C-alpha atoms as a PDB file:
ATOM      1  CA  MET A   1      84.156  83.403  99.875  1.00  0.00           C
ATOM      2  CA  PRO A   2      86.674  81.866 101.488  1.00  0.00           C
ATOM      3  CA  GLN A   3      88.411  79.284  99.633  1.00  0.00           C
ATOM      4  CA  GLY A   4      87.385  75.905  98.617  1.00  0.00           C
ATOM      5  CA  SER A   5      83.411  76.941  99.636  1.00  0.00           C
ATOM      6  CA  HIS A   6      81.664  75.180  96.704  1.00  0.00           C
ATOM      7  CA  ALA A   7      78.228  73.227  96.081  1.00  0.00           C
ATOM      8  CA  THR A   8      77.560  69.716  94.363  1.00  0.00           C
ATOM      9  CA  ILE A   9      74.654  70.126  91.923  1.00  0.00           C
ATOM     10  CA  ARG A  10      72.641  67.173  90.231  1.00  0.00           C
ATOM     11  CA  GLU A  11      69.351  67.772  88.009  1.00  0.00           C
ATOM     12  CA  PHE A  12      66.385  66.219  88.366  1.00  0.00           C
ATOM     13  CA  THR A  13      63.715  65.843  84.645  1.00  0.00           C
ATOM     14  CA  VAL A  14      60.432  66.440  86.212  1.00  0.00           C
ATOM     15  CA  THR A  15      58.225  67.241  82.933  1.00  0.00           C
ATOM     16  CA  ASP A  16      59.129  68.646  79.231  1.00  0.00           C
ATOM     17  CA  PRO A  17      60.680  71.754  78.746  1.00  0.00           C
ATOM     18  CA  GLU A  18      56.998  73.105  78.084  1.00  0.00           C
ATOM     19  CA  ALA A  19      55.471  72.601  81.237  1.00  0.00           C
ATOM     20  CA  GLY A  20      57.221  75.292  83.404  1.00  0.00           C
ATOM     21  CA  PRO A  21      58.397  74.702  86.838  1.00  0.00           C
ATOM     22  CA  TYR A  22      58.337  77.788  88.430  1.00  0.00           C
ATOM     23  CA  GLY A  23      57.523  77.942  92.140  1.00  0.00           C
ATOM     24  CA  ILE A  24      58.649  75.055  94.772  1.00  0.00           C
ATOM     25  CA  ALA A  25      58.391  74.318  98.523  1.00  0.00           C
ATOM     26  CA  ALA A  26      58.880  71.572 101.096  1.00  0.00           C
ATOM     27  CA  GLY A  27      55.679  70.239 102.269  1.00  0.00           C
ATOM     28  CA  PRO A  28      55.144  68.616 105.118  1.00  0.00           C
ATOM     29  CA  ASP A  29      55.027  64.560 103.595  1.00  0.00           C
ATOM     30  CA  GLY A  30      58.967  64.868 103.457  1.00  0.00           C
ATOM     31  CA  ALA A  31      58.616  65.654  99.652  1.00  0.00           C
ATOM     32  CA  LEU A  32      59.142  68.783  97.015  1.00  0.00           C
ATOM     33  CA  TRP A  33      56.213  70.463  95.526  1.00  0.00           C
ATOM     34  CA  PHE A  34      55.936  72.705  92.338  1.00  0.00           C
ATOM     35  CA  THR A  35      54.286  74.472  90.338  1.00  0.00           C
ATOM     36  CA  LEU A  36      53.911  73.639  86.659  1.00  0.00           C
ATOM     37  CA  VAL A  37      52.958  77.507  85.187  1.00  0.00           C
ATOM     38  CA  HIS A  38      52.232  76.497  81.561  1.00  0.00           C
ATOM     39  CA  GLU A  39      50.772  73.326  82.147  1.00  0.00           C
ATOM     40  CA  GLY A  40      48.420  74.555  84.865  1.00  0.00           C
ATOM     41  CA  ARG A  41      49.549  71.188  87.454  1.00  0.00           C
ATOM     42  CA  ILE A  42      51.251  70.784  90.901  1.00  0.00           C
ATOM     43  CA  GLY A  43      54.098  68.228  91.198  1.00  0.00           C
ATOM     44  CA  ARG A  44      55.086  66.572  93.910  1.00  0.00           C
ATOM     45  CA  MET A  45      58.704  64.964  94.517  1.00  0.00           C
ATOM     46  CA  VAL A  46      60.591  62.934  97.581  1.00  0.00           C
ATOM     47  CA  PRO A  47      64.459  63.487  97.019  1.00  0.00           C
ATOM     48  CA  GLY A  48      65.800  60.964  95.396  1.00  0.00           C
ATOM     49  CA  GLY A  49      61.787  59.449  94.038  1.00  0.00           C
ATOM     50  CA  GLU A  50      59.753  59.587  90.777  1.00  0.00           C
ATOM     51  CA  ALA A  51      57.720  63.100  90.805  1.00  0.00           C
ATOM     52  CA  ASP A  52      53.589  62.523  89.997  1.00  0.00           C
ATOM     53  CA  PHE A  53      51.173  65.564  89.322  1.00  0.00           C
ATOM     54  CA  HIS A  54      47.647  66.422  90.172  1.00  0.00           C
ATOM     55  CA  PRO A  55      45.629  69.222  88.117  1.00  0.00           C
ATOM     56  CA  ALA A  56      45.562  72.512  89.520  1.00  0.00           C
ATOM     57  CA  ALA A  57      40.853  71.725  89.299  1.00  0.00           C
ATOM     58  CA  PRO A  58      38.717  72.548  88.353  1.00  0.00           C
ATOM     59  CA  VAL A  59      40.252  76.428  86.263  1.00  0.00           C
ATOM     60  CA  PRO A  60      43.100  76.940  84.246  1.00  0.00           C
ATOM     61  CA  ALA A  61      45.004  78.513  87.281  1.00  0.00           C
ATOM     62  CA  GLY A  62      48.150  79.172  85.933  1.00  0.00           C
ATOM     63  CA  PRO A  63      49.700  78.224  89.320  1.00  0.00           C
ATOM     64  CA  MET A  64      52.680  80.267  90.031  1.00  0.00           C
ATOM     65  CA  ASN A  65      53.813  80.461  93.397  1.00  0.00           C
ATOM     66  CA  ILE A  66      53.903  77.915  96.152  1.00  0.00           C
ATOM     67  CA  THR A  67      53.807  77.568 100.267  1.00  0.00           C
ATOM     68  CA  ALA A  68      53.382  75.551 103.215  1.00  0.00           C
ATOM     69  CA  GLY A  69      50.430  76.504 105.026  1.00  0.00           C
ATOM     70  CA  PRO A  70      50.165  76.190 108.685  1.00  0.00           C
ATOM     71  CA  ASP A  71      47.398  73.423 108.354  1.00  0.00           C
ATOM     72  CA  GLY A  72      49.498  70.309 107.003  1.00  0.00           C
ATOM     73  CA  ALA A  73      48.647  71.466 103.541  1.00  0.00           C
ATOM     74  CA  LEU A  74      50.561  73.372 100.345  1.00  0.00           C
ATOM     75  CA  TRP A  75      48.791  76.722  98.983  1.00  0.00           C
ATOM     76  CA  PHE A  76      49.699  78.545  95.927  1.00  0.00           C
ATOM     77  CA  THR A  77      48.284  81.457  93.782  1.00  0.00           C
ATOM     78  CA  GLY A  78      46.833  80.680  90.582  1.00  0.00           C
ATOM     79  CA  LEU A  79      47.945  83.890  88.704  1.00  0.00           C
ATOM     80  CA  ARG A  80      45.954  83.182  85.332  1.00  0.00           C
ATOM     81  CA  GLY A  81      42.300  82.641  87.053  1.00  0.00           C
ATOM     82  CA  ASP A  82      42.133  84.922  90.291  1.00  0.00           C
ATOM     83  CA  ARG A  83      42.417  82.089  92.432  1.00  0.00           C
ATOM     84  CA  VAL A  84      44.383  80.780  95.625  1.00  0.00           C
ATOM     85  CA  GLY A  85      44.461  77.000  96.083  1.00  0.00           C
ATOM     86  CA  ARG A  86      45.171  74.746  98.172  1.00  0.00           C
ATOM     87  CA  ILE A  87      46.613  71.055  98.098  1.00  0.00           C
ATOM     88  CA  ASP A  88      46.535  68.890 100.725  1.00  0.00           C
ATOM     89  CA  THR A  89      49.032  66.025 101.060  1.00  0.00           C
ATOM     90  CA  GLY A  90      47.168  63.040  99.522  1.00  0.00           C
ATOM     91  CA  GLY A  91      46.514  65.116  96.419  1.00  0.00           C
ATOM     92  CA  ARG A  92      43.098  66.828  97.077  1.00  0.00           C
ATOM     93  CA  VAL A  93      42.718  70.129  95.431  1.00  0.00           C
ATOM     94  CA  THR A  94      40.300  73.273  96.290  1.00  0.00           C
ATOM     95  CA  MET A  95      40.199  76.611  94.563  1.00  0.00           C
ATOM     96  CA  PHE A  96      39.022  79.724  96.378  1.00  0.00           C
ATOM     97  CA  GLU A  97      38.113  82.987  94.123  1.00  0.00           C
ATOM     98  CA  VAL A  98      39.765  86.092  94.686  1.00  0.00           C
ATOM     99  CA  PRO A  99      39.309  89.353  93.988  1.00  0.00           C
ATOM    100  CA  PRO A 100      40.508  89.789  90.613  1.00  0.00           C
ATOM    101  CA  GLY A 101      44.491  91.089  90.262  1.00  0.00           C
ATOM    102  CA  GLY A 102      46.580  88.433  89.402  1.00  0.00           C
ATOM    103  CA  PRO A 103      48.197  86.850  93.410  1.00  0.00           C
ATOM    104  CA  CYS A 104      51.534  86.426  92.714  1.00  0.00           C
ATOM    105  CA  GLY A 105      53.744  85.781  95.896  1.00  0.00           C
ATOM    106  CA  ILE A 106      52.275  83.369  99.033  1.00  0.00           C
ATOM    107  CA  THR A 107      53.629  82.885 102.252  1.00  0.00           C
ATOM    108  CA  ALA A 108      52.178  81.306 105.941  1.00  0.00           C
ATOM    109  CA  GLY A 109      51.263  84.696 107.889  1.00  0.00           C
ATOM    110  CA  PRO A 110      51.936  84.640 111.987  1.00  0.00           C
ATOM    111  CA  ASP A 111      48.142  84.564 112.587  1.00  0.00           C
ATOM    112  CA  GLY A 112      47.634  81.242 110.922  1.00  0.00           C
ATOM    113  CA  ALA A 113      46.308  82.800 107.256  1.00  0.00           C
ATOM    114  CA  LEU A 114      47.994  82.560 104.262  1.00  0.00           C
ATOM    115  CA  TRP A 115      49.092  86.241 102.328  1.00  0.00           C
ATOM    116  CA  PHE A 116      49.994  86.835  99.118  1.00  0.00           C
ATOM    117  CA  THR A 117      50.663  89.838  96.523  1.00  0.00           C
ATOM    118  CA  LEU A 118      48.025  90.842  94.057  1.00  0.00           C
ATOM    119  CA  MET A 119      50.301  92.478  91.007  1.00  0.00           C
ATOM    120  CA  ARG A 120      47.733  93.895  89.038  1.00  0.00           C
ATOM    121  CA  THR A 121      45.703  95.904  91.568  1.00  0.00           C
ATOM    122  CA  ASP A 122      48.203  97.458  93.928  1.00  0.00           C
ATOM    123  CA  ARG A 123      46.687  95.352  97.073  1.00  0.00           C
ATOM    124  CA  ILE A 124      48.018  92.377  99.448  1.00  0.00           C
ATOM    125  CA  GLY A 125      45.310  89.653 100.273  1.00  0.00           C
ATOM    126  CA  ARG A 126      45.166  87.340 103.773  1.00  0.00           C
ATOM    127  CA  ILE A 127      43.305  84.324 103.135  1.00  0.00           C
ATOM    128  CA  THR A 128      42.000  81.929 105.787  1.00  0.00           C
ATOM    129  CA  THR A 129      42.402  78.129 105.926  1.00  0.00           C
ATOM    130  CA  ALA A 130      38.681  78.181 105.303  1.00  0.00           C
ATOM    131  CA  GLY A 131      38.871  80.255 102.094  1.00  0.00           C
ATOM    132  CA  GLU A 132      37.356  83.638 104.235  1.00  0.00           C
ATOM    133  CA  VAL A 133      39.324  86.404 101.657  1.00  0.00           C
ATOM    134  CA  THR A 134      40.489  90.494 102.845  1.00  0.00           C
ATOM    135  CA  GLU A 135      42.223  92.587 101.193  1.00  0.00           C
ATOM    136  CA  PHE A 136      44.383  95.651 101.873  1.00  0.00           C
ATOM    137  CA  PRO A 137      45.124  98.625  99.005  1.00  0.00           C
ATOM    138  CA  LEU A 138      48.744  99.609  99.324  1.00  0.00           C
ATOM    139  CA  PRO A 139      49.600 103.903  98.724  1.00  0.00           C
ATOM    140  CA  VAL A 140      51.295 103.351  95.928  1.00  0.00           C
ATOM    141  CA  SER A 141      50.419 102.885  92.375  1.00  0.00           C
ATOM    142  CA  GLY A 142      51.188 100.416  89.436  1.00  0.00           C
ATOM    143  CA  ALA A 143      53.972  99.229  91.921  1.00  0.00           C
ATOM    144  CA  MET A 144      53.072  95.195  91.208  1.00  0.00           C
ATOM    145  CA  PRO A 145      53.683  93.756  94.289  1.00  0.00           C
ATOM    146  CA  SER A 146      55.440  90.784  93.497  1.00  0.00           C
ATOM    147  CA  MET A 147      56.688  88.344  96.361  1.00  0.00           C
ATOM    148  CA  ILE A 148      56.365  87.885 100.364  1.00  0.00           C
ATOM    149  CA  THR A 149      57.267  86.534 103.349  1.00  0.00           C
ATOM    150  CA  ALA A 150      57.068  86.340 107.419  1.00  0.00           C
ATOM    151  CA  GLY A 151      59.195  88.671 108.543  1.00  0.00           C
ATOM    152  CA  PRO A 152      61.427  88.647 112.358  1.00  0.00           C
ATOM    153  CA  ASP A 153      59.023  90.843 113.659  1.00  0.00           C
ATOM    154  CA  GLY A 154      55.577  89.897 113.419  1.00  0.00           C
ATOM    155  CA  ALA A 155      54.412  91.707 110.004  1.00  0.00           C
ATOM    156  CA  LEU A 156      54.578  90.241 106.414  1.00  0.00           C
ATOM    157  CA  TRP A 157      56.936  92.055 103.962  1.00  0.00           C
ATOM    158  CA  PHE A 158      56.415  92.261 100.507  1.00  0.00           C
ATOM    159  CA  THR A 159      58.630  93.446  97.089  1.00  0.00           C
ATOM    160  CA  LEU A 160      57.427  96.522  94.817  1.00  0.00           C
ATOM    161  CA  ASN A 161      58.770  95.269  91.498  1.00  0.00           C
ATOM    162  CA  GLN A 162      57.598  98.551  89.907  1.00  0.00           C
ATOM    163  CA  GLY A 163      57.757 100.640  92.510  1.00  0.00           C
ATOM    164  CA  ASN A 164      61.167 100.148  93.467  1.00  0.00           C
ATOM    165  CA  ALA A 165      60.720  99.498  96.741  1.00  0.00           C
ATOM    166  CA  VAL A 166      59.983  96.918  99.879  1.00  0.00           C
ATOM    167  CA  GLY A 167      56.881  96.840 102.052  1.00  0.00           C
ATOM    168  CA  ARG A 168      56.092  95.624 105.077  1.00  0.00           C
ATOM    169  CA  ILE A 169      52.246  94.898 106.595  1.00  0.00           C
ATOM    170  CA  ALA A 170      51.096  94.404 109.848  1.00  0.00           C
ATOM    171  CA  PRO A 171      48.386  91.591 110.158  1.00  0.00           C
ATOM    172  CA  GLY A 172      46.293  94.761 110.951  1.00  0.00           C
ATOM    173  CA  GLY A 173      46.814  96.048 107.771  1.00  0.00           C
ATOM    174  CA  ASP A 174      49.272  99.079 108.658  1.00  0.00           C
ATOM    175  CA  VAL A 175      51.483  99.340 105.857  1.00  0.00           C
ATOM    176  CA  ALA A 176      54.535 100.822 105.322  1.00  0.00           C
ATOM    177  CA  VAL A 177      56.621 101.326 102.324  1.00  0.00           C
ATOM    178  CA  HIS A 178      60.776 101.804 101.853  1.00  0.00           C
ATOM    179  CA  ALA A 179      61.928 103.083  99.056  1.00  0.00           C
ATOM    180  CA  LEU A 180      65.414 101.579  97.691  1.00  0.00           C
ATOM    181  CA  PRO A 181      68.386 103.654  97.011  1.00  0.00           C
ATOM    182  CA  THR A 182      68.947 101.908  93.695  1.00  0.00           C
ATOM    183  CA  GLU A 183      66.759 102.547  90.563  1.00  0.00           C
ATOM    184  CA  GLY A 184      65.685 100.477  88.100  1.00  0.00           C
ATOM    185  CA  ALA A 185      66.338  97.286  91.108  1.00  0.00           C
ATOM    186  CA  ALA A 186      63.129  95.372  90.085  1.00  0.00           C
ATOM    187  CA  PRO A 187      62.872  93.689  93.968  1.00  0.00           C
ATOM    188  CA  VAL A 188      61.298  89.939  93.051  1.00  0.00           C
ATOM    189  CA  GLY A 189      62.267  87.285  95.655  1.00  0.00           C
ATOM    190  CA  ILE A 190      62.131  88.278  99.713  1.00  0.00           C
ATOM    191  CA  THR A 191      63.376  86.108 102.546  1.00  0.00           C
ATOM    192  CA  ALA A 192      63.992  86.109 106.462  1.00  0.00           C
ATOM    193  CA  GLY A 193      67.727  86.089 106.646  1.00  0.00           C
ATOM    194  CA  PRO A 194      69.406  84.768 109.294  1.00  0.00           C
ATOM    195  CA  ASP A 195      70.499  87.928 110.803  1.00  0.00           C
ATOM    196  CA  GLY A 196      66.965  89.295 111.774  1.00  0.00           C
ATOM    197  CA  ALA A 197      66.730  91.100 108.541  1.00  0.00           C
ATOM    198  CA  LEU A 198      64.746  90.329 105.038  1.00  0.00           C
ATOM    199  CA  TRP A 199      66.548  89.712 102.034  1.00  0.00           C
ATOM    200  CA  PHE A 200      66.076  90.850  98.863  1.00  0.00           C
ATOM    201  CA  ALA A 201      67.070  89.871  95.013  1.00  0.00           C
ATOM    202  CA  ALA A 202      67.017  92.589  92.824  1.00  0.00           C
ATOM    203  CA  ILE A 203      66.417  91.498  89.043  1.00  0.00           C
ATOM    204  CA  GLY A 204      66.555  94.284  87.512  1.00  0.00           C
ATOM    205  CA  THR A 205      70.201  95.628  89.012  1.00  0.00           C
ATOM    206  CA  GLY A 206      71.508  92.600  89.511  1.00  0.00           C
ATOM    207  CA  HIS A 207      72.358  92.942  92.751  1.00  0.00           C
ATOM    208  CA  ILE A 208      70.941  91.100  96.568  1.00  0.00           C
ATOM    209  CA  GLY A 209      69.312  93.460  98.999  1.00  0.00           C
ATOM    210  CA  ARG A 210      69.387  93.343 102.958  1.00  0.00           C
ATOM    211  CA  ILE A 211      66.557  95.724 104.616  1.00  0.00           C
ATOM    212  CA  ALA A 212      66.679  95.938 108.362  1.00  0.00           C
ATOM    213  CA  THR A 213      63.284  96.117 110.039  1.00  0.00           C
ATOM    214  CA  ASP A 214      64.040  99.641 110.650  1.00  0.00           C
ATOM    215  CA  GLY A 215      63.674 100.095 106.321  1.00  0.00           C
ATOM    216  CA  LYS A 216      67.853 100.513 106.475  1.00  0.00           C
ATOM    217  CA  VAL A 217      68.568  98.879 102.894  1.00  0.00           C
ATOM    218  CA  THR A 218      71.809  97.530 101.967  1.00  0.00           C
ATOM    219  CA  GLU A 219      72.890  96.773  98.654  1.00  0.00           C
ATOM    220  CA  PHE A 220      75.160  93.858  97.347  1.00  0.00           C
ATOM    221  CA  PRO A 221      75.814  93.788  93.544  1.00  0.00           C
ATOM    222  CA  LEU A 222      76.665  90.540  91.961  1.00  0.00           C
ATOM    223  CA  PRO A 223      79.629  90.550  89.759  1.00  0.00           C
ATOM    224  CA  ASP A 224      77.848  90.064  86.506  1.00  0.00           C
ATOM    225  CA  PRO A 225      75.169  92.711  86.374  1.00  0.00           C
ATOM    226  CA  ALA A 226      73.291  90.565  83.847  1.00  0.00           C
ATOM    227  CA  ALA A 227      72.533  87.960  86.212  1.00  0.00           C
ATOM    228  CA  ARG A 228      68.920  88.717  86.569  1.00  0.00           C
ATOM    229  CA  PRO A 229      68.510  87.447  90.177  1.00  0.00           C
ATOM    230  CA  HIS A 230      65.183  86.187  90.747  1.00  0.00           C
ATOM    231  CA  ALA A 231      64.422  84.175  94.427  1.00  0.00           C
ATOM    232  CA  ILE A 232      65.928  83.734  97.713  1.00  0.00           C
ATOM    233  CA  VAL A 233      65.802  81.952 100.829  1.00  0.00           C
ATOM    234  CA  THR A 234      67.985  81.268 104.167  1.00  0.00           C
ATOM    235  CA  GLY A 235      70.085  78.016 103.783  1.00  0.00           C
ATOM    236  CA  PRO A 236      71.179  75.164 105.754  1.00  0.00           C
ATOM    237  CA  ASP A 237      74.460  77.455 106.901  1.00  0.00           C
ATOM    238  CA  GLU A 238      74.078  80.674 108.100  1.00  0.00           C
ATOM    239  CA  ALA A 239      73.558  82.325 104.170  1.00  0.00           C
ATOM    240  CA  LEU A 240      71.104  83.298 101.555  1.00  0.00           C
ATOM    241  CA  TRP A 241      70.979  81.102  98.728  1.00  0.00           C
ATOM    242  CA  PHE A 242      69.553  82.991  95.613  1.00  0.00           C
ATOM    243  CA  THR A 243      68.925  82.074  91.535  1.00  0.00           C
ATOM    244  CA  GLU A 244      70.077  83.541  88.842  1.00  0.00           C
ATOM    245  CA  TRP A 245      67.542  83.626  86.042  1.00  0.00           C
ATOM    246  CA  GLY A 246      69.910  85.723  83.614  1.00  0.00           C
ATOM    247  CA  THR A 247      72.978  83.628  83.572  1.00  0.00           C
ATOM    248  CA  ALA A 248      71.701  80.060  85.032  1.00  0.00           C
ATOM    249  CA  HIS A 249      73.868  80.242  88.253  1.00  0.00           C
ATOM    250  CA  ILE A 250      72.551  79.890  91.673  1.00  0.00           C
ATOM    251  CA  GLY A 251      74.369  81.915  94.765  1.00  0.00           C
ATOM    252  CA  ARG A 252      75.067  82.399  97.796  1.00  0.00           C
ATOM    253  CA  ILE A 253      75.762  85.341  99.844  1.00  0.00           C
ATOM    254  CA  THR A 254      77.107  85.466 103.914  1.00  0.00           C
ATOM    255  CA  PRO A 255      75.337  88.183 106.165  1.00  0.00           C
ATOM    256  CA  GLU A 256      78.543  89.707 105.732  1.00  0.00           C
ATOM    257  CA  GLY A 257      77.979  90.059 101.758  1.00  0.00           C
ATOM    258  CA  ARG A 258      80.966  87.316 100.701  1.00  0.00           C
ATOM    259  CA  ILE A 259      79.391  86.134  97.376  1.00  0.00           C
ATOM    260  CA  ASP A 260      79.800  83.156  95.683  1.00  0.00           C
ATOM    261  CA  GLU A 261      78.284  81.495  92.640  1.00  0.00           C
ATOM    262  CA  HIS A 262      77.882  77.391  91.165  1.00  0.00           C
ATOM    263  CA  PRO A 263      76.988  76.924  87.438  1.00  0.00           C
ATOM    264  CA  LEU A 264      74.097  74.419  86.661  1.00  0.00           C
ATOM    265  CA  PRO A 265      74.837  71.950  84.698  1.00  0.00           C
ATOM    266  CA  ARG A 266      73.005  73.455  81.395  1.00  0.00           C
ATOM    267  CA  PRO A 267      73.525  76.531  80.474  1.00  0.00           C
ATOM    268  CA  GLY A 268      69.856  78.651  79.843  1.00  0.00           C
ATOM    269  CA  SER A 269      68.257  76.529  82.189  1.00  0.00           C
ATOM    270  CA  GLU A 270      65.897  79.233  83.786  1.00  0.00           C
ATOM    271  CA  PRO A 271      65.958  78.712  87.573  1.00  0.00           C
ATOM    272  CA  HIS A 272      63.301  80.533  89.758  1.00  0.00           C
ATOM    273  CA  GLY A 273      61.867  79.312  92.568  1.00  0.00           C
ATOM    274  CA  ILE A 274      64.568  77.882  95.511  1.00  0.00           C
ATOM    275  CA  ALA A 275      63.933  75.997  98.653  1.00  0.00           C
ATOM    276  CA  LEU A 276      65.257  74.483 101.611  1.00  0.00           C
ATOM    277  CA  GLY A 277      64.569  70.580 101.617  1.00  0.00           C
ATOM    278  CA  PRO A 278      63.227  67.772 103.775  1.00  0.00           C
ATOM    279  CA  ASP A 279      67.079  66.541 102.906  1.00  0.00           C
ATOM    280  CA  GLY A 280      69.196  69.694 103.660  1.00  0.00           C
ATOM    281  CA  ALA A 281      69.951  70.565 100.499  1.00  0.00           C
ATOM    282  CA  LEU A 282      68.640  73.339  98.394  1.00  0.00           C
ATOM    283  CA  TRP A 283      65.938  72.444  95.508  1.00  0.00           C
ATOM    284  CA  VAL A 284      65.562  74.635  92.625  1.00  0.00           C
ATOM    285  CA  ALA A 285      63.090  74.695  89.779  1.00  0.00           C
ATOM    286  CA  LEU A 286      63.775  74.970  86.027  1.00  0.00           C
ATOM    287  CA  GLU A 287      61.801  76.106  83.631  1.00  0.00           C
ATOM    288  CA  THR A 288      62.793  73.913  81.131  1.00  0.00           C
ATOM    289  CA  GLY A 289      61.537  70.739  82.867  1.00  0.00           C
ATOM    290  CA  ALA A 290      63.871  69.931  86.087  1.00  0.00           C
ATOM    291  CA  LEU A 291      64.533  69.809  89.261  1.00  0.00           C
ATOM    292  CA  ALA A 292      67.658  71.328  90.856  1.00  0.00           C
ATOM    293  CA  GLN A 293      69.366  69.798  94.233  1.00  0.00           C
ATOM    294  CA  VAL A 294      72.006  72.068  95.111  1.00  0.00           C
ATOM    295  CA  VAL A 295      74.058  70.436  98.508  1.00  0.00           C
ATOM    296  CA  PRO A 296      76.381  72.994 100.226  1.00  0.00           C
ATOM    297  CA  GLY A 297      79.896  71.850 100.503  1.00  0.00           C
END
């Protein structure tokens, strides 16, 4: 990284340490929305304000990941309850039953629907804003599809945590699987980068990966192989920002592969989800009960 690059980090306690902030997304209302996976609630916080909470009712869904939908609402996966939920900006929740399989990652697709992964059944799901669900089987077994994002090529891209691969599914259902060169990479987070490629976090081997839309993979090892990078997002500065769950750092990587790491104020704070907030900062969900604001220097 260029000398002098830095970030200013502040933590905001939102819950007790047992609640488990996990996924986070910016909503259309200028607020951050986040999941409390252990308490079964959805939180909302305007930067600089207080957090308020809404139950992910009516079933104990275990809300995990959350994304802004095409309909002005937020959509989230309910891992334990086999549900996908919708919460509007007023806090009204609607739950949709999906086929059993452990819904995990979720993203808005290019077709006006939401796309999600089913970790236990090697399938990708699609749900319309009216709640109509379609499943697409993957040509793998025990691969544990995890996170998913919309790519620059009109397709959805997803990680296969136990399949050591990154997959691509077109809105029509055609699937391609791209094996990763390093065994045990265990990819988790994935996002569209500023360079027309997809970028992913390899929690198993401690590296950040780049996959072009033609399937070519480039890997960038982190200084500490035990960093356990988890989630990744494109920042406001044409770089990628990611969470290091194992070392409680926030990392930054440029498209050229230059890496910088910033320690969180509290060791062991377990950073998971990361999102670009409405204030131009990065916001991180810390499973120990806080949100962290990361302002690039």
